[in-house]
């Protein structure tokens, strides 16, 4: 939903693929819209903001519960 936010974080070992199906969002310095795909390598930091209502698919490989690390300010 518009305004949804996820704080700055990274995956320790997983590669994260974010696919924007519809809407507009921001991940780190990138503004993404329908059809965009962003790949974050392990250790690469990003936050997330839904600029408008969006449908986003997130795929992390390998799937490792507890791999996400929040980054303090």
C-alpha atoms as a PDB file:
ATOM      1  CA  UNK A   1       0.000   0.000   0.000  1.00  0.00           C
ATOM      2  CA  UNK A   2       1.093   3.564  -0.622  1.00  0.00           C
ATOM      3  CA  UNK A   3       3.374   4.679   2.208  1.00  0.00           C
ATOM      4  CA  UNK A   4       4.485   1.186   3.254  1.00  0.00           C
ATOM      5  CA  UNK A   5       8.117   1.349   4.337  1.00  0.00           C
ATOM      6  CA  UNK A   6      10.814  -1.159   5.180  1.00  0.00           C
ATOM      7  CA  UNK A   7      13.956   0.151   6.899  1.00  0.00           C
ATOM      8  CA  UNK A   8      17.489  -0.182   5.558  1.00  0.00           C
ATOM      9  CA  UNK A   9      18.589  -3.826   5.588  1.00  0.00           C
ATOM     10  CA  UNK A  10      20.602  -6.454   3.728  1.00  0.00           C
ATOM     11  CA  UNK A  11      20.734 -10.214   3.262  1.00  0.00           C
ATOM     12  CA  UNK A  12      23.865 -11.867   4.642  1.00  0.00           C
ATOM     13  CA  UNK A  13      24.016 -14.771   2.168  1.00  0.00           C
ATOM     14  CA  UNK A  14      20.997 -14.549  -0.146  1.00  0.00           C
ATOM     15  CA  UNK A  15      20.624 -12.686  -3.434  1.00  0.00           C
ATOM     16  CA  UNK A  16      17.356 -10.723  -3.503  1.00  0.00           C
ATOM     17  CA  UNK A  17      15.372 -10.164  -6.709  1.00  0.00           C
ATOM     18  CA  UNK A  18      12.597  -7.548  -6.564  1.00  0.00           C
ATOM     19  CA  UNK A  19      10.120  -7.521  -9.450  1.00  0.00           C
ATOM     20  CA  UNK A  20       7.604  -4.677  -9.735  1.00  0.00           C
ATOM     21  CA  UNK A  21       4.350  -5.921 -11.279  1.00  0.00           C
ATOM     22  CA  UNK A  22       2.479  -2.628 -10.894  1.00  0.00           C
ATOM     23  CA  UNK A  23       2.767   0.697  -9.116  1.00  0.00           C
ATOM     24  CA  UNK A  24       5.719   2.844  -8.165  1.00  0.00           C
ATOM     25  CA  UNK A  25       8.225   2.302  -5.371  1.00  0.00           C
ATOM     26  CA  UNK A  26      11.711   3.263  -4.245  1.00  0.00           C
ATOM     27  CA  UNK A  27      14.474   0.915  -3.168  1.00  0.00           C
ATOM     28  CA  UNK A  28      17.577   2.729  -1.998  1.00  0.00           C
ATOM     29  CA  UNK A  29      18.399   5.325  -4.688  1.00  0.00           C
ATOM     30  CA  UNK A  30      16.299   3.575  -7.373  1.00  0.00           C
ATOM     31  CA  UNK A  31      12.724   4.471  -8.337  1.00  0.00           C
ATOM     32  CA  UNK A  32      11.031   1.384  -9.786  1.00  0.00           C
ATOM     33  CA  UNK A  33       7.828   0.978 -11.803  1.00  0.00           C
ATOM     34  CA  UNK A  34       5.952  -1.866 -13.511  1.00  0.00           C
ATOM     35  CA  UNK A  35       8.324  -4.198 -15.341  1.00  0.00           C
ATOM     36  CA  UNK A  36      11.451  -3.185 -13.411  1.00  0.00           C
ATOM     37  CA  UNK A  37      13.639  -5.796 -11.728  1.00  0.00           C
ATOM     38  CA  UNK A  38      16.249  -4.933  -9.095  1.00  0.00           C
ATOM     39  CA  UNK A  39      18.885  -7.457  -8.000  1.00  0.00           C
ATOM     40  CA  UNK A  40      20.618  -6.996  -4.647  1.00  0.00           C
ATOM     41  CA  UNK A  41      23.680  -9.096  -3.930  1.00  0.00           C
ATOM     42  CA  UNK A  42      24.437 -10.418  -0.439  1.00  0.00           C
ATOM     43  CA  UNK A  43      25.528  -7.532   1.800  1.00  0.00           C
ATOM     44  CA  UNK A  44      24.049  -4.855  -0.485  1.00  0.00           C
ATOM     45  CA  UNK A  45      21.920  -2.477   1.607  1.00  0.00           C
ATOM     46  CA  UNK A  46      18.510  -1.103   0.657  1.00  0.00           C
ATOM     47  CA  UNK A  47      15.323   0.246   2.150  1.00  0.00           C
ATOM     48  CA  UNK A  48      11.858   0.196   0.531  1.00  0.00           C
ATOM     49  CA  UNK A  49       9.084   2.760   0.124  1.00  0.00           C
ATOM     50  CA  UNK A  50       5.815   2.265  -1.764  1.00  0.00           C
ATOM     51  CA  UNK A  51       5.294   5.626  -3.484  1.00  0.00           C
ATOM     52  CA  UNK A  52       1.878   4.419  -4.663  1.00  0.00           C
ATOM     53  CA  UNK A  53      -0.096   1.191  -4.274  1.00  0.00           C
ATOM     54  CA  UNK A  54       2.127  -1.477  -5.800  1.00  0.00           C
ATOM     55  CA  UNK A  55       2.369  -5.188  -6.432  1.00  0.00           C
ATOM     56  CA  UNK A  56       5.928  -6.359  -5.824  1.00  0.00           C
ATOM     57  CA  UNK A  57       7.389  -9.867  -5.904  1.00  0.00           C
ATOM     58  CA  UNK A  58      10.461 -10.522  -3.782  1.00  0.00           C
ATOM     59  CA  UNK A  59      12.551 -13.631  -4.377  1.00  0.00           C
ATOM     60  CA  UNK A  60      15.514 -14.530  -2.198  1.00  0.00           C
ATOM     61  CA  UNK A  61      17.844 -17.328  -3.161  1.00  0.00           C
ATOM     62  CA  UNK A  62      18.761 -19.356  -1.351  1.00  0.00           C
ATOM     63  CA  UNK A  63      15.781 -19.049   0.990  1.00  0.00           C
ATOM     64  CA  UNK A  64      17.394 -18.646   4.403  1.00  0.00           C
ATOM     65  CA  UNK A  65      15.183 -17.763   7.377  1.00  0.00           C
ATOM     66  CA  UNK A  66      16.895 -15.185   9.566  1.00  0.00           C
ATOM     67  CA  UNK A  67      19.255 -14.001   6.791  1.00  0.00           C
ATOM     68  CA  UNK A  68      17.900 -10.415   6.838  1.00  0.00           C
ATOM     69  CA  UNK A  69      19.927  -7.909   8.885  1.00  0.00           C
ATOM     70  CA  UNK A  70      18.513  -4.483   9.797  1.00  0.00           C
ATOM     71  CA  UNK A  71      20.992  -1.620   9.503  1.00  0.00           C
ATOM     72  CA  UNK A  72      21.025   1.003  12.263  1.00  0.00           C
ATOM     73  CA  UNK A  73      21.309   4.704  11.497  1.00  0.00           C
END
